[in-house]
Amino acid sequence: MYKYLKTLLAATLISGCLMLNAATAAEPVDINNATAQEIALALTGVGSSKAAAIVAYREQHGAFQHIDELVNVKGIGLTTIEKNRAVILVSADNRE
């Protein structure tokens, strides 16, 4: 009986962790079209003020041509970009 409960508990914990990872996996976000709220929700380490700075930079300087241009936004560094590289999109219709 003890072995069965131990196995059941382990399986429950593993499935819970898998569901948590699936629930917290961010959807890709196009930094050339997304709102500040969408950016803040999608990117790890980017709150509402940094997301607003990304949108303000985009409005002042035009569309991002490459993800790495985000380093030009105050408060966004290479570490933030690397953490989020898999979910950041730059729409093709905005590239030259």
N, C-alpha and C. Protein backbone atom coordinates (compact mmCIF):
# COMPACT_ATOMS: atom_id res chain seq x y z
N MET A 1 0.82 -1.20 0.00
CA MET A 1 0.00 0.00 0.00
C MET A 1 0.87 1.27 0.00
N TYR A 2 1.91 1.29 0.83
CA TYR A 2 2.79 2.45 0.91
C TYR A 2 3.47 2.73 -0.43
N LYS A 3 3.94 1.66 -1.09
CA LYS A 3 4.60 1.81 -2.39
C LYS A 3 3.64 2.39 -3.43
N TYR A 4 2.38 1.95 -3.39
CA TYR A 4 1.37 2.47 -4.32
C TYR A 4 1.14 3.96 -4.09
N LEU A 5 1.00 4.38 -2.82
CA LEU A 5 0.78 5.79 -2.51
C LEU A 5 1.97 6.64 -2.91
N LYS A 6 3.17 6.13 -2.70
CA LYS A 6 4.38 6.85 -3.08
C LYS A 6 4.42 7.06 -4.60
N THR A 7 4.09 6.02 -5.37
CA THR A 7 4.06 6.11 -6.82
C THR A 7 2.98 7.09 -7.29
N LEU A 8 1.82 7.01 -6.66
CA LEU A 8 0.72 7.91 -7.01
C LEU A 8 1.07 9.36 -6.72
N LEU A 9 1.71 9.62 -5.58
CA LEU A 9 2.12 10.97 -5.23
C LEU A 9 3.15 11.50 -6.23
N ALA A 10 4.11 10.68 -6.59
CA ALA A 10 5.14 11.09 -7.55
C ALA A 10 4.51 11.42 -8.90
N ALA A 11 3.59 10.60 -9.35
CA ALA A 11 2.93 10.84 -10.63
C ALA A 11 2.11 12.12 -10.60
N THR A 12 1.45 12.36 -9.48
CA THR A 12 0.65 13.59 -9.33
C THR A 12 1.54 14.82 -9.37
N LEU A 13 2.68 14.77 -8.67
CA LEU A 13 3.60 15.91 -8.66
C LEU A 13 4.17 16.18 -10.05
N ILE A 14 4.54 15.13 -10.74
CA ILE A 14 5.10 15.29 -12.09
C ILE A 14 4.07 15.87 -13.04
N SER A 15 2.85 15.37 -13.00
CA SER A 15 1.82 15.90 -13.92
C SER A 15 1.48 17.34 -13.57
N GLY A 16 1.50 17.67 -12.29
CA GLY A 16 1.25 19.05 -11.87
C GLY A 16 2.32 19.99 -12.38
N CYS A 17 3.57 19.56 -12.32
CA CYS A 17 4.67 20.39 -12.83
C CYS A 17 4.56 20.58 -14.33
N LEU A 18 4.19 19.52 -15.04
CA LEU A 18 4.04 19.63 -16.49
C LEU A 18 2.92 20.59 -16.86
N MET A 19 1.82 20.54 -16.12
CA MET A 19 0.71 21.45 -16.40
C MET A 19 1.10 22.88 -16.06
N LEU A 20 1.87 23.09 -15.02
CA LEU A 20 2.31 24.43 -14.65
C LEU A 20 3.22 24.99 -15.73
N ASN A 21 4.14 24.17 -16.24
CA ASN A 21 5.02 24.63 -17.32
C ASN A 21 4.23 24.98 -18.57
N ALA A 22 3.24 24.19 -18.90
CA ALA A 22 2.41 24.47 -20.08
C ALA A 22 1.61 25.74 -19.88
N ALA A 23 1.13 25.98 -18.67
CA ALA A 23 0.31 27.16 -18.40
C ALA A 23 1.14 28.43 -18.38
N THR A 24 2.41 28.33 -18.01
CA THR A 24 3.24 29.52 -17.91
C THR A 24 4.07 29.77 -19.16
N ALA A 25 4.04 28.86 -20.12
CA ALA A 25 4.79 29.06 -21.35
C ALA A 25 4.19 30.23 -22.11
N ALA A 26 5.02 31.20 -22.41
CA ALA A 26 4.55 32.41 -23.06
C ALA A 26 4.31 32.18 -24.55
N GLU A 27 3.32 32.84 -25.05
CA GLU A 27 3.05 32.85 -26.49
C GLU A 27 4.03 33.83 -27.14
N PRO A 28 4.44 33.58 -28.36
CA PRO A 28 5.31 34.53 -29.05
C PRO A 28 4.64 35.90 -29.17
N VAL A 29 5.45 36.94 -29.12
CA VAL A 29 4.93 38.31 -29.20
C VAL A 29 5.72 39.08 -30.26
N ASP A 30 5.00 39.74 -31.14
CA ASP A 30 5.61 40.56 -32.18
C ASP A 30 5.84 41.95 -31.60
N ILE A 31 7.09 42.29 -31.37
CA ILE A 31 7.40 43.57 -30.72
C ILE A 31 7.11 44.77 -31.61
N ASN A 32 6.81 44.55 -32.87
CA ASN A 32 6.46 45.66 -33.76
C ASN A 32 4.97 45.95 -33.79
N ASN A 33 4.16 45.04 -33.27
CA ASN A 33 2.72 45.23 -33.32
C ASN A 33 2.02 45.10 -31.97
N ALA A 34 2.68 44.53 -31.00
CA ALA A 34 2.05 44.26 -29.71
C ALA A 34 1.89 45.53 -28.88
N THR A 35 0.87 45.51 -28.04
CA THR A 35 0.68 46.59 -27.08
C THR A 35 1.66 46.38 -25.92
N ALA A 36 1.81 47.40 -25.11
CA ALA A 36 2.67 47.29 -23.93
C ALA A 36 2.19 46.17 -23.02
N GLN A 37 0.89 46.06 -22.86
CA GLN A 37 0.33 45.01 -22.00
C GLN A 37 0.67 43.62 -22.55
N GLU A 38 0.54 43.43 -23.85
CA GLU A 38 0.86 42.14 -24.46
C GLU A 38 2.34 41.80 -24.29
N ILE A 39 3.20 42.81 -24.44
CA ILE A 39 4.64 42.60 -24.28
C ILE A 39 4.96 42.23 -22.84
N ALA A 40 4.38 42.95 -21.89
CA ALA A 40 4.63 42.68 -20.47
C ALA A 40 4.19 41.27 -20.08
N LEU A 41 3.08 40.83 -20.62
CA LEU A 41 2.58 39.49 -20.30
C LEU A 41 3.44 38.39 -20.92
N ALA A 42 4.01 38.65 -22.08
CA ALA A 42 4.73 37.61 -22.82
C ALA A 42 6.20 37.48 -22.43
N LEU A 43 6.82 38.58 -22.00
CA LEU A 43 8.26 38.54 -21.78
C LEU A 43 8.62 38.44 -20.30
N THR A 44 9.50 37.53 -20.00
CA THR A 44 10.01 37.35 -18.64
C THR A 44 10.93 38.51 -18.28
N GLY A 45 10.71 39.09 -17.12
CA GLY A 45 11.56 40.18 -16.66
C GLY A 45 11.20 41.54 -17.24
N VAL A 46 10.09 41.60 -17.95
CA VAL A 46 9.64 42.86 -18.55
C VAL A 46 8.27 43.18 -17.97
N GLY A 47 8.24 44.22 -17.15
CA GLY A 47 6.98 44.65 -16.56
C GLY A 47 6.34 45.72 -17.42
N SER A 48 5.35 46.38 -16.85
CA SER A 48 4.59 47.37 -17.63
C SER A 48 5.43 48.57 -18.03
N SER A 49 6.35 49.02 -17.17
CA SER A 49 7.14 50.20 -17.52
C SER A 49 8.16 49.91 -18.62
N LYS A 50 8.81 48.75 -18.56
CA LYS A 50 9.75 48.39 -19.62
C LYS A 50 9.00 48.12 -20.93
N ALA A 51 7.85 47.50 -20.83
CA ALA A 51 7.04 47.24 -22.03
C ALA A 51 6.60 48.56 -22.67
N ALA A 52 6.21 49.52 -21.84
CA ALA A 52 5.84 50.84 -22.36
C ALA A 52 7.03 51.52 -23.02
N ALA A 53 8.23 51.30 -22.46
CA ALA A 53 9.44 51.87 -23.06
C ALA A 53 9.72 51.25 -24.42
N ILE A 54 9.44 49.96 -24.57
CA ILE A 54 9.62 49.29 -25.86
C ILE A 54 8.67 49.90 -26.90
N VAL A 55 7.42 50.09 -26.52
CA VAL A 55 6.44 50.68 -27.44
C VAL A 55 6.81 52.12 -27.78
N ALA A 56 7.23 52.90 -26.79
CA ALA A 56 7.63 54.29 -27.02
C ALA A 56 8.83 54.35 -27.96
N TYR A 57 9.80 53.48 -27.76
CA TYR A 57 10.98 53.44 -28.63
C TYR A 57 10.55 53.12 -30.06
N ARG A 58 9.67 52.14 -30.20
CA ARG A 58 9.18 51.74 -31.53
C ARG A 58 8.46 52.90 -32.21
N GLU A 59 7.66 53.63 -31.46
CA GLU A 59 6.92 54.76 -32.03
C GLU A 59 7.86 55.90 -32.42
N GLN A 60 8.93 56.09 -31.66
CA GLN A 60 9.86 57.19 -31.95
C GLN A 60 10.85 56.84 -33.06
N HIS A 61 11.32 55.58 -33.10
CA HIS A 61 12.39 55.20 -34.03
C HIS A 61 11.93 54.31 -35.18
N GLY A 62 10.69 53.90 -35.17
CA GLY A 62 10.20 53.01 -36.21
C GLY A 62 10.31 51.55 -35.79
N ALA A 63 9.88 50.69 -36.67
CA ALA A 63 9.83 49.26 -36.38
C ALA A 63 11.21 48.69 -36.12
N PHE A 64 11.25 47.70 -35.24
CA PHE A 64 12.49 46.97 -34.98
C PHE A 64 12.80 46.12 -36.20
N GLN A 65 14.06 46.13 -36.61
CA GLN A 65 14.49 45.30 -37.72
C GLN A 65 15.02 43.95 -37.23
N HIS A 66 15.49 43.92 -35.99
CA HIS A 66 16.06 42.71 -35.42
C HIS A 66 15.83 42.71 -33.91
N ILE A 67 15.69 41.54 -33.34
CA ILE A 67 15.46 41.40 -31.90
C ILE A 67 16.53 42.12 -31.07
N ASP A 68 17.78 42.04 -31.51
CA ASP A 68 18.88 42.61 -30.74
C ASP A 68 18.81 44.13 -30.61
N GLU A 69 17.99 44.78 -31.42
CA GLU A 69 17.81 46.23 -31.30
C GLU A 69 17.15 46.61 -29.98
N LEU A 70 16.56 45.65 -29.30
CA LEU A 70 15.93 45.94 -28.01
C LEU A 70 16.92 46.48 -26.98
N VAL A 71 18.22 46.23 -27.17
CA VAL A 71 19.20 46.77 -26.21
C VAL A 71 19.22 48.29 -26.24
N ASN A 72 18.69 48.89 -27.28
CA ASN A 72 18.62 50.35 -27.36
C ASN A 72 17.52 50.94 -26.48
N VAL A 73 16.66 50.08 -25.95
CA VAL A 73 15.57 50.52 -25.08
C VAL A 73 16.09 50.54 -23.65
N LYS A 74 15.93 51.68 -22.98
CA LYS A 74 16.40 51.81 -21.61
C LYS A 74 15.75 50.74 -20.73
N GLY A 75 16.58 50.01 -20.00
CA GLY A 75 16.10 48.97 -19.10
C GLY A 75 16.09 47.58 -19.69
N ILE A 76 16.37 47.47 -20.99
CA ILE A 76 16.40 46.16 -21.64
C ILE A 76 17.86 45.85 -21.98
N GLY A 77 18.35 44.77 -21.41
CA GLY A 77 19.73 44.36 -21.67
C GLY A 77 19.79 43.03 -22.39
N LEU A 78 21.02 42.60 -22.64
CA LEU A 78 21.22 41.33 -23.35
C LEU A 78 20.65 40.14 -22.58
N THR A 79 20.73 40.18 -21.26
CA THR A 79 20.21 39.08 -20.46
C THR A 79 18.71 38.93 -20.67
N THR A 80 17.99 40.05 -20.66
CA THR A 80 16.54 40.02 -20.88
C THR A 80 16.23 39.49 -22.28
N ILE A 81 16.98 39.94 -23.25
CA ILE A 81 16.76 39.47 -24.63
C ILE A 81 17.00 37.97 -24.73
N GLU A 82 18.08 37.48 -24.14
CA GLU A 82 18.40 36.06 -24.23
C GLU A 82 17.35 35.20 -23.51
N LYS A 83 16.83 35.67 -22.38
CA LYS A 83 15.79 34.94 -21.67
C LYS A 83 14.53 34.79 -22.51
N ASN A 84 14.30 35.76 -23.40
CA ASN A 84 13.05 35.82 -24.14
C ASN A 84 13.18 35.58 -25.64
N ARG A 85 14.37 35.30 -26.10
CA ARG A 85 14.62 35.20 -27.54
C ARG A 85 13.64 34.25 -28.25
N ALA A 86 13.27 33.18 -27.61
CA ALA A 86 12.40 32.19 -28.24
C ALA A 86 10.97 32.69 -28.43
N VAL A 87 10.57 33.73 -27.71
CA VAL A 87 9.18 34.21 -27.83
C VAL A 87 9.07 35.60 -28.46
N ILE A 88 10.19 36.21 -28.79
CA ILE A 88 10.16 37.53 -29.43
C ILE A 88 10.13 37.37 -30.94
N LEU A 89 9.16 38.01 -31.56
CA LEU A 89 9.05 38.01 -33.02
C LEU A 89 9.23 39.44 -33.52
N VAL A 90 9.77 39.55 -34.72
CA VAL A 90 9.85 40.83 -35.43
C VAL A 90 9.15 40.60 -36.75
N SER A 91 7.99 41.20 -36.92
CA SER A 91 7.20 40.93 -38.12
C SER A 91 7.95 41.23 -39.39
N ALA A 92 7.82 40.31 -40.33
CA ALA A 92 8.56 40.39 -41.60
C ALA A 92 8.14 41.58 -42.43
N ASP A 93 6.89 42.02 -42.31
CA ASP A 93 6.41 43.13 -43.14
C ASP A 93 7.01 44.47 -42.69
N ASN A 94 7.70 44.50 -41.56
CA ASN A 94 8.32 45.73 -41.09
C ASN A 94 9.82 45.79 -41.40
N ARG A 95 10.36 44.73 -41.95
CA ARG A 95 11.79 44.70 -42.27
C ARG A 95 12.02 45.34 -43.63
N GLU A 96 13.22 45.88 -43.77
CA GLU A 96 13.58 46.47 -45.08
C GLU A 96 14.12 45.44 -46.02
